[in-house]
Amino acid sequence: MIFLLQDQNLIFTGALLLMFMIALLEGVMTLIGVGISDLLDNVLPDFNVDVPDTGLSGGMTKLLGWLRFGEVPALILLVTFLVGFGATGLLIQMLMESFFGYLLPGGLLAVGVLFLALPQVRFVGNIMRRFAVGDESEAVERNSFIGRVAIITIGRAEAGSPAEARFSDEYGTTHYVMVEPDESEIFNQGDKVLLVEELGAHFRVTRPSSIHLMENN
């Protein structure tokens, strides 16, 4: 505890503590039917990774796409980042104290640890994405999603606020995608939607007709 609460380690200890608080809160809110994951996905802005851009906005878009944002629930990526950031920072400090007898300044070390934590987030994102969409290439898989009927599983889908949806392909593989309707439509958890257009990290959806429902059954 003394090691964890030293000034140089507080930023890393705080990251792990925040992760535990999120996990506890997610468990409590899930019991009452509301998860943090859907709230987080709704609060975060919509980044379209296929739109060319420059400057800070373009860099952020590319970074989020690299981290599999939009393909994996944002809560999983956030928790992975907090664990990777906190554990990596504390491990480096532990090694520094063991071999050299002192700790590095927390703020200075945090900059380096940030760049070490991001590849860990991508690694976990890739694993989680494979569970969701299988081992086929992303381009082929995502193009084949058009015309599928999915069910909103997390969040409320409305213009500017994507939600998570689930569907199964002809092989029985379950896929999770982020979906967003036009301004005139709103879909809640449990609603069925038709995927009509790929928009980078998410899909444009509309209300399916009875014909679409029959074709996907």
Protein backbone atom coordinates (compact mmCIF):
# COMPACT_ATOMS: atom_id res chain seq x y z
CA MET A 1 0.00 0.00 0.00
CA ILE A 2 2.85 2.38 0.75
CA PHE A 3 4.24 1.78 -2.73
CA LEU A 4 0.86 2.25 -4.41
CA LEU A 5 0.12 5.49 -2.58
CA GLN A 6 3.43 7.23 -3.22
CA ASP A 7 3.04 10.49 -5.12
CA GLN A 8 4.89 9.18 -8.18
CA ASN A 9 2.51 6.22 -8.43
CA LEU A 10 -0.85 7.89 -7.76
CA ILE A 11 -1.71 8.40 -11.43
CA PHE A 12 -1.26 4.68 -12.12
CA THR A 13 -2.96 3.54 -8.93
CA GLY A 14 -5.81 5.90 -9.73
CA ALA A 15 -6.25 4.31 -13.17
CA LEU A 16 -6.62 0.85 -11.63
CA LEU A 17 -8.97 2.19 -8.96
CA LEU A 18 -11.11 3.81 -11.65
CA MET A 19 -11.25 0.51 -13.50
CA PHE A 20 -12.51 -1.28 -10.37
CA MET A 21 -15.10 1.44 -9.80
CA ILE A 22 -16.35 1.13 -13.38
CA ALA A 23 -16.61 -2.66 -13.04
CA LEU A 24 -18.55 -2.31 -9.78
CA LEU A 25 -20.85 0.35 -11.20
CA GLU A 26 -21.44 -1.68 -14.36
CA GLY A 27 -22.47 -4.66 -12.25
CA VAL A 28 -24.89 -2.60 -10.18
CA MET A 29 -26.41 -0.81 -13.18
CA THR A 30 -26.77 -4.05 -15.13
CA LEU A 31 -28.97 -5.39 -12.32
CA ILE A 32 -31.37 -2.50 -12.88
CA GLY A 33 -31.29 -2.88 -16.66
CA VAL A 34 -28.99 0.00 -17.59
CA GLY A 35 -25.34 -0.59 -18.51
CA ILE A 36 -22.47 1.89 -18.60
CA SER A 37 -21.49 0.59 -22.03
CA ASP A 38 -24.55 1.99 -23.79
CA LEU A 39 -24.22 5.31 -21.99
CA LEU A 40 -20.57 5.58 -22.96
CA ASP A 41 -21.24 4.73 -26.62
CA ASN A 42 -23.96 7.39 -26.73
CA VAL A 43 -21.84 10.10 -25.07
CA LEU A 44 -18.77 9.57 -27.25
CA PRO A 45 -18.77 11.42 -30.58
CA ASP A 46 -19.22 9.58 -33.85
CA PHE A 47 -15.92 9.20 -35.72
CA ASN A 48 -16.08 7.99 -39.30
CA VAL A 49 -12.72 6.34 -39.97
CA ASP A 50 -13.23 6.31 -43.75
CA VAL A 51 -13.52 10.07 -44.10
CA PRO A 52 -10.15 11.67 -45.01
CA ASP A 53 -9.29 14.50 -42.68
CA THR A 54 -6.33 16.47 -41.47
CA GLY A 55 -5.16 17.98 -38.22
CA LEU A 56 -6.16 16.93 -34.71
CA SER A 57 -9.60 15.67 -35.78
CA GLY A 58 -8.17 13.47 -38.51
CA GLY A 59 -5.49 12.11 -36.19
CA MET A 60 -8.08 11.24 -33.54
CA THR A 61 -10.27 9.54 -36.13
CA LYS A 62 -7.39 7.37 -37.34
CA LEU A 63 -6.35 6.54 -33.77
CA LEU A 64 -9.86 5.43 -32.79
CA GLY A 65 -10.12 3.33 -35.94
CA TRP A 66 -6.75 1.74 -35.15
CA LEU A 67 -8.02 0.92 -31.64
CA ARG A 68 -11.10 -0.79 -33.14
CA PHE A 69 -13.46 1.88 -31.82
CA GLY A 70 -16.92 1.20 -33.25
CA GLU A 71 -16.19 -2.48 -33.77
CA VAL A 72 -15.73 -3.28 -30.07
CA PRO A 73 -17.82 -1.75 -27.24
CA ALA A 74 -16.15 1.42 -25.99
CA LEU A 75 -16.35 0.24 -22.37
CA ILE A 76 -14.12 -2.74 -23.12
CA LEU A 77 -11.53 -0.48 -24.75
CA LEU A 78 -11.67 1.97 -21.83
CA VAL A 79 -11.21 -0.74 -19.20
CA THR A 80 -8.37 -2.29 -21.21
CA PHE A 81 -6.65 1.09 -21.40
CA LEU A 82 -7.00 1.72 -17.66
CA VAL A 83 -5.62 -1.73 -16.79
CA GLY A 84 -2.76 -1.47 -19.28
CA PHE A 85 -1.87 2.08 -18.26
CA GLY A 86 -2.03 1.43 -14.52
CA ALA A 87 -0.32 -1.96 -14.48
CA THR A 88 2.44 -0.95 -16.91
CA GLY A 89 3.23 2.21 -14.97
CA LEU A 90 3.38 0.43 -11.62
CA LEU A 91 5.52 -2.36 -13.07
CA ILE A 92 8.06 0.13 -14.43
CA GLN A 93 8.14 1.97 -11.10
CA MET A 94 8.60 -1.31 -9.25
CA LEU A 95 11.56 -2.21 -11.45
CA MET A 96 13.06 1.26 -11.02
CA GLU A 97 12.83 1.04 -7.25
CA SER A 98 14.24 -2.50 -7.19
CA PHE A 99 17.24 -1.82 -9.43
CA PHE A 100 17.98 1.87 -8.87
CA GLY A 101 16.36 2.68 -5.54
CA TYR A 102 14.16 5.57 -6.72
CA LEU A 103 10.93 6.25 -8.58
CA LEU A 104 10.46 8.24 -11.78
CA PRO A 105 8.24 11.34 -11.73
CA GLY A 106 4.68 10.13 -12.31
CA GLY A 107 3.71 12.81 -14.83
CA LEU A 108 6.82 12.25 -16.95
CA LEU A 109 6.49 8.47 -16.90
CA ALA A 110 2.79 8.68 -17.74
CA VAL A 111 3.60 10.08 -21.18
CA GLY A 112 5.70 7.05 -22.07
CA VAL A 113 3.27 4.60 -20.47
CA LEU A 114 0.45 6.08 -22.55
CA PHE A 115 2.18 4.95 -25.74
CA LEU A 116 2.80 1.51 -24.22
CA ALA A 117 -0.86 1.12 -23.21
CA LEU A 118 -2.38 1.93 -26.61
CA PRO A 119 -0.96 -1.18 -28.38
CA GLN A 120 -2.41 -3.25 -25.54
CA VAL A 121 -5.83 -1.75 -26.26
CA ARG A 122 -5.51 -2.60 -29.95
CA PHE A 123 -4.42 -6.15 -29.12
CA VAL A 124 -7.49 -6.74 -26.95
CA GLY A 125 -9.68 -4.97 -29.51
CA ASN A 126 -8.48 -7.31 -32.24
CA ILE A 127 -9.21 -10.35 -30.07
CA MET A 128 -12.69 -9.12 -29.16
CA ARG A 129 -13.43 -8.25 -32.79
CA ARG A 130 -12.51 -11.77 -33.89
CA PHE A 131 -15.00 -13.18 -31.41
CA ALA A 132 -17.63 -10.85 -32.88
CA VAL A 133 -17.00 -11.10 -36.63
CA GLY A 134 -14.85 -14.23 -37.10
CA ASP A 135 -11.48 -14.63 -38.78
CA GLU A 136 -12.41 -13.38 -42.26
CA SER A 137 -11.08 -10.08 -43.53
CA GLU A 138 -12.85 -6.94 -42.33
CA ALA A 139 -13.56 -5.61 -45.82
CA VAL A 140 -15.30 -8.77 -47.05
CA GLU A 141 -17.21 -9.30 -43.83
CA ARG A 142 -18.47 -5.76 -43.45
CA ASN A 143 -19.53 -5.46 -47.08
CA SER A 144 -21.61 -8.60 -46.67
CA PHE A 145 -23.51 -7.08 -43.75
CA ILE A 146 -25.60 -4.85 -46.03
CA GLY A 147 -29.19 -6.11 -46.17
CA ARG A 148 -29.01 -7.90 -42.82
CA VAL A 149 -31.62 -7.41 -40.12
CA ALA A 150 -30.09 -6.79 -36.70
CA ILE A 151 -31.43 -6.25 -33.18
CA ILE A 152 -30.40 -3.27 -31.05
CA THR A 153 -28.65 -4.73 -28.00
CA ILE A 154 -27.07 -1.75 -26.26
CA GLY A 155 -28.03 1.90 -26.37
CA ARG A 156 -30.54 4.00 -28.27
CA ALA A 157 -29.83 4.52 -31.96
CA GLU A 158 -30.59 7.97 -33.32
CA ALA A 159 -28.96 10.44 -35.68
CA GLY A 160 -25.51 11.34 -34.33
CA SER A 161 -25.70 8.67 -31.61
CA PRO A 162 -24.91 5.09 -32.77
CA ALA A 163 -25.96 2.05 -30.76
CA GLU A 164 -24.76 -1.55 -30.73
CA ALA A 165 -26.71 -4.13 -32.74
CA ARG A 166 -26.39 -7.90 -33.15
CA PHE A 167 -27.20 -10.33 -35.95
CA SER A 168 -26.23 -13.82 -37.09
CA ASP A 169 -25.08 -14.73 -40.59
CA GLU A 170 -25.97 -17.81 -42.64
CA TYR A 171 -23.20 -19.76 -40.87
CA GLY A 172 -24.57 -19.00 -37.43
CA THR A 173 -21.76 -16.58 -36.56
CA THR A 174 -22.88 -13.69 -34.35
CA HIS A 175 -21.75 -10.20 -35.34
CA TYR A 176 -21.86 -6.97 -33.34
CA VAL A 177 -21.89 -3.63 -35.18
CA MET A 178 -22.54 0.02 -34.37
CA VAL A 179 -25.61 1.38 -36.16
CA GLU A 180 -27.13 4.83 -36.72
CA PRO A 181 -30.46 5.76 -38.40
CA ASP A 182 -31.48 8.87 -40.31
CA GLU A 183 -32.73 11.90 -38.42
CA SER A 184 -36.37 10.84 -38.83
CA GLU A 185 -35.95 7.52 -36.99
CA ILE A 186 -35.08 6.38 -33.47
CA PHE A 187 -34.50 2.77 -32.41
CA ASN A 188 -34.46 1.49 -28.84
CA GLN A 189 -33.00 -1.66 -27.30
CA GLY A 190 -34.78 -4.71 -28.75
CA ASP A 191 -35.87 -3.02 -31.99
CA LYS A 192 -35.03 -4.64 -35.33
CA VAL A 193 -33.12 -2.59 -37.93
CA LEU A 194 -32.06 -3.12 -41.54
CA LEU A 195 -28.40 -2.40 -42.42
CA VAL A 196 -28.45 -0.35 -45.62
CA GLU A 197 -25.08 1.43 -45.86
CA GLU A 198 -21.58 1.14 -44.39
CA LEU A 199 -20.31 4.41 -42.93
CA GLY A 200 -16.80 3.61 -41.75
CA ALA A 201 -17.00 2.52 -38.13
CA HIS A 202 -20.78 2.06 -38.18
CA PHE A 203 -23.74 1.29 -40.45
CA ARG A 204 -26.69 3.38 -41.56
CA VAL A 205 -29.92 1.57 -40.72
CA THR A 206 -33.63 1.89 -41.37
CA ARG A 207 -36.80 0.14 -40.24
CA PRO A 208 -37.07 -3.26 -41.97
CA SER A 209 -40.15 -4.23 -43.92
CA SER A 210 -41.93 -7.56 -43.55
CA ILE A 211 -40.14 -8.76 -46.70
CA HIS A 212 -36.71 -8.09 -45.15
CA LEU A 213 -37.74 -9.90 -41.96
CA MET A 214 -38.82 -12.97 -43.95
CA GLU A 215 -35.60 -13.00 -45.99
CA ASN A 216 -33.47 -12.98 -42.83
CA ASN A 217 -35.40 -15.73 -41.06
